[in-house]
Structure formats: C-alpha cells, structure tokens
Amino acid sequence: MRGTTAAGVAWMALLAPFGAGWVEWAAPLLVGAVAAGPVAVASSWAGLGRWLRRAGVLVTPEERRAPAILREVLRDGAGVELGRPAGLGVLAAAEGD
C-alpha cells in the first residue's frame, strides 16, 4: 500500500512542473492512489470502523437503508427460512468424505 501512495505522490511531483492544470486533470486518479493506503489501514481499525459507520462514512446505500425486499422478508418472514446457504452444506458433506 505504501507503493500506491508513493506512486501517487511521485506522479503529482512529476506533473506539477507542467502546471496546475495537469495535476487537476489527473486528480481523480492521483487522490485515489495517494489515499488508498491510509484509508485501507485506518478502516481496518475496529474502533475507527465503528465510528465511521455511525457517522455514515464509507458505507453503501444498502447499509444505510436495506432494500425494500429485504425489509419485507425481515419484517414478515415472508415464508422464507433464513439459515445456512445450501452451498455450504454441500461443502461440509464433501469434507466429511
């Protein structure tokens, strides 16, 4: 991850002498490259992750509000038994062989 951040900083340094327009043009890529490592490390900390989730940062729309079909299943049960996916049973049976 340090390599990605270093590469982003290096590209910024290489583009800067050509004018601010080049850095602005490449900003979507460069900001992502520079921030990737620190964000990955920081978001792996459990306490910070819980705080970010409460603050609504780095969450998907589905995490903020479950889709209607899922809310319906969770509310009514809708005749669906929520259990272990069938695929895992097949794997467990194969391991027993």
Protein backbone atom coordinates (compact mmCIF):
# COMPACT_ATOMS: atom_id res chain seq x y z
CA MET A 1 0.00 0.00 0.00
CA ARG A 2 2.92 2.30 0.57
CA GLY A 3 3.86 1.78 -3.06
CA THR A 4 0.49 3.02 -4.27
CA THR A 5 0.68 6.12 -2.09
CA ALA A 6 4.28 6.76 -3.14
CA ALA A 7 3.38 6.34 -6.81
CA GLY A 8 0.55 8.86 -6.47
CA VAL A 9 2.82 11.40 -4.80
CA ALA A 10 5.52 10.79 -7.42
CA TRP A 11 3.06 11.35 -10.27
CA MET A 12 1.90 14.58 -8.64
CA ALA A 13 5.52 15.73 -8.37
CA LEU A 14 6.17 14.82 -12.00
CA LEU A 15 3.07 16.63 -13.25
CA ALA A 16 3.44 19.76 -11.08
CA PRO A 17 6.17 21.44 -13.21
CA PHE A 18 3.87 21.27 -16.25
CA GLY A 19 1.26 23.40 -14.50
CA ALA A 20 -1.62 23.04 -12.08
CA GLY A 21 -3.94 22.07 -14.92
CA TRP A 22 -2.18 18.73 -15.33
CA VAL A 23 -2.43 17.94 -11.63
CA GLU A 24 -6.12 18.91 -11.65
CA TRP A 25 -6.71 16.76 -14.73
CA ALA A 26 -5.11 13.73 -13.06
CA ALA A 27 -6.57 14.45 -9.61
CA PRO A 28 -9.25 11.71 -9.71
CA LEU A 29 -6.53 9.08 -10.17
CA LEU A 30 -3.90 10.71 -8.00
CA VAL A 31 -6.14 11.35 -4.99
CA GLY A 32 -7.30 7.74 -5.10
CA ALA A 33 -3.74 6.45 -5.30
CA VAL A 34 -2.48 8.70 -2.51
CA ALA A 35 -5.43 7.95 -0.21
CA ALA A 36 -5.75 4.20 -0.89
CA GLY A 37 -3.15 3.01 1.61
CA PRO A 38 -4.03 5.27 4.53
CA VAL A 39 -7.78 4.67 4.10
CA ALA A 40 -7.27 0.88 3.94
CA VAL A 41 -5.14 0.87 7.08
CA ALA A 42 -7.36 3.28 9.02
CA SER A 43 -10.57 1.49 8.05
CA SER A 44 -9.16 -1.81 9.31
CA TRP A 45 -9.16 -0.50 12.90
CA ALA A 46 -12.31 -1.82 14.59
CA GLY A 47 -12.92 1.25 16.77
CA LEU A 48 -12.47 3.67 13.91
CA GLY A 49 -14.62 1.46 11.68
CA ARG A 50 -17.49 1.54 14.18
CA TRP A 51 -17.16 5.32 14.49
CA LEU A 52 -17.13 5.79 10.69
CA ARG A 53 -20.20 3.53 10.37
CA ARG A 54 -22.09 5.57 12.98
CA ALA A 55 -21.05 8.74 11.14
CA GLY A 56 -22.27 7.27 7.82
CA VAL A 57 -18.84 7.44 6.19
CA LEU A 58 -17.64 4.67 3.83
CA VAL A 59 -20.99 2.84 3.92
CA THR A 60 -23.07 1.70 0.96
CA PRO A 61 -26.65 2.81 0.38
CA GLU A 62 -27.80 -0.72 1.30
CA GLU A 63 -26.07 -0.41 4.67
CA ARG A 64 -27.86 2.85 5.35
CA ARG A 65 -31.27 1.53 4.36
CA ALA A 66 -31.92 -2.09 3.44
CA PRO A 67 -33.67 -2.70 0.10
CA ALA A 68 -37.46 -3.00 0.29
CA ILE A 69 -37.47 -6.73 -0.45
CA LEU A 70 -35.04 -7.43 2.39
CA ARG A 71 -37.03 -5.24 4.80
CA GLU A 72 -40.16 -7.18 3.85
CA VAL A 73 -38.50 -10.55 4.46
CA LEU A 74 -37.08 -9.42 7.79
CA ARG A 75 -40.41 -7.91 8.86
CA ASP A 76 -42.79 -10.67 7.78
CA GLY A 77 -40.57 -13.63 7.35
CA ALA A 78 -42.43 -13.97 4.04
CA GLY A 79 -42.33 -17.75 4.41
CA VAL A 80 -38.56 -17.73 3.99
CA GLU A 81 -36.33 -19.57 6.41
CA LEU A 82 -33.10 -17.66 6.84
CA GLY A 83 -30.45 -20.24 7.50
CA ARG A 84 -27.23 -21.55 6.14
CA PRO A 85 -26.90 -21.29 2.35
CA ALA A 86 -27.33 -24.62 0.58
CA GLY A 87 -23.87 -24.42 -0.95
CA LEU A 88 -22.19 -24.64 2.43
CA GLY A 89 -23.97 -27.91 3.22
CA VAL A 90 -22.56 -29.42 0.05
CA LEU A 91 -19.07 -28.32 1.02
CA ALA A 92 -19.44 -29.69 4.54
CA ALA A 93 -20.64 -33.03 3.16
CA ALA A 94 -17.67 -33.20 0.80
CA GLU A 95 -15.24 -32.53 3.65
CA GLY A 96 -16.71 -35.44 5.59
CA ASP A 97 -15.76 -37.88 2.80
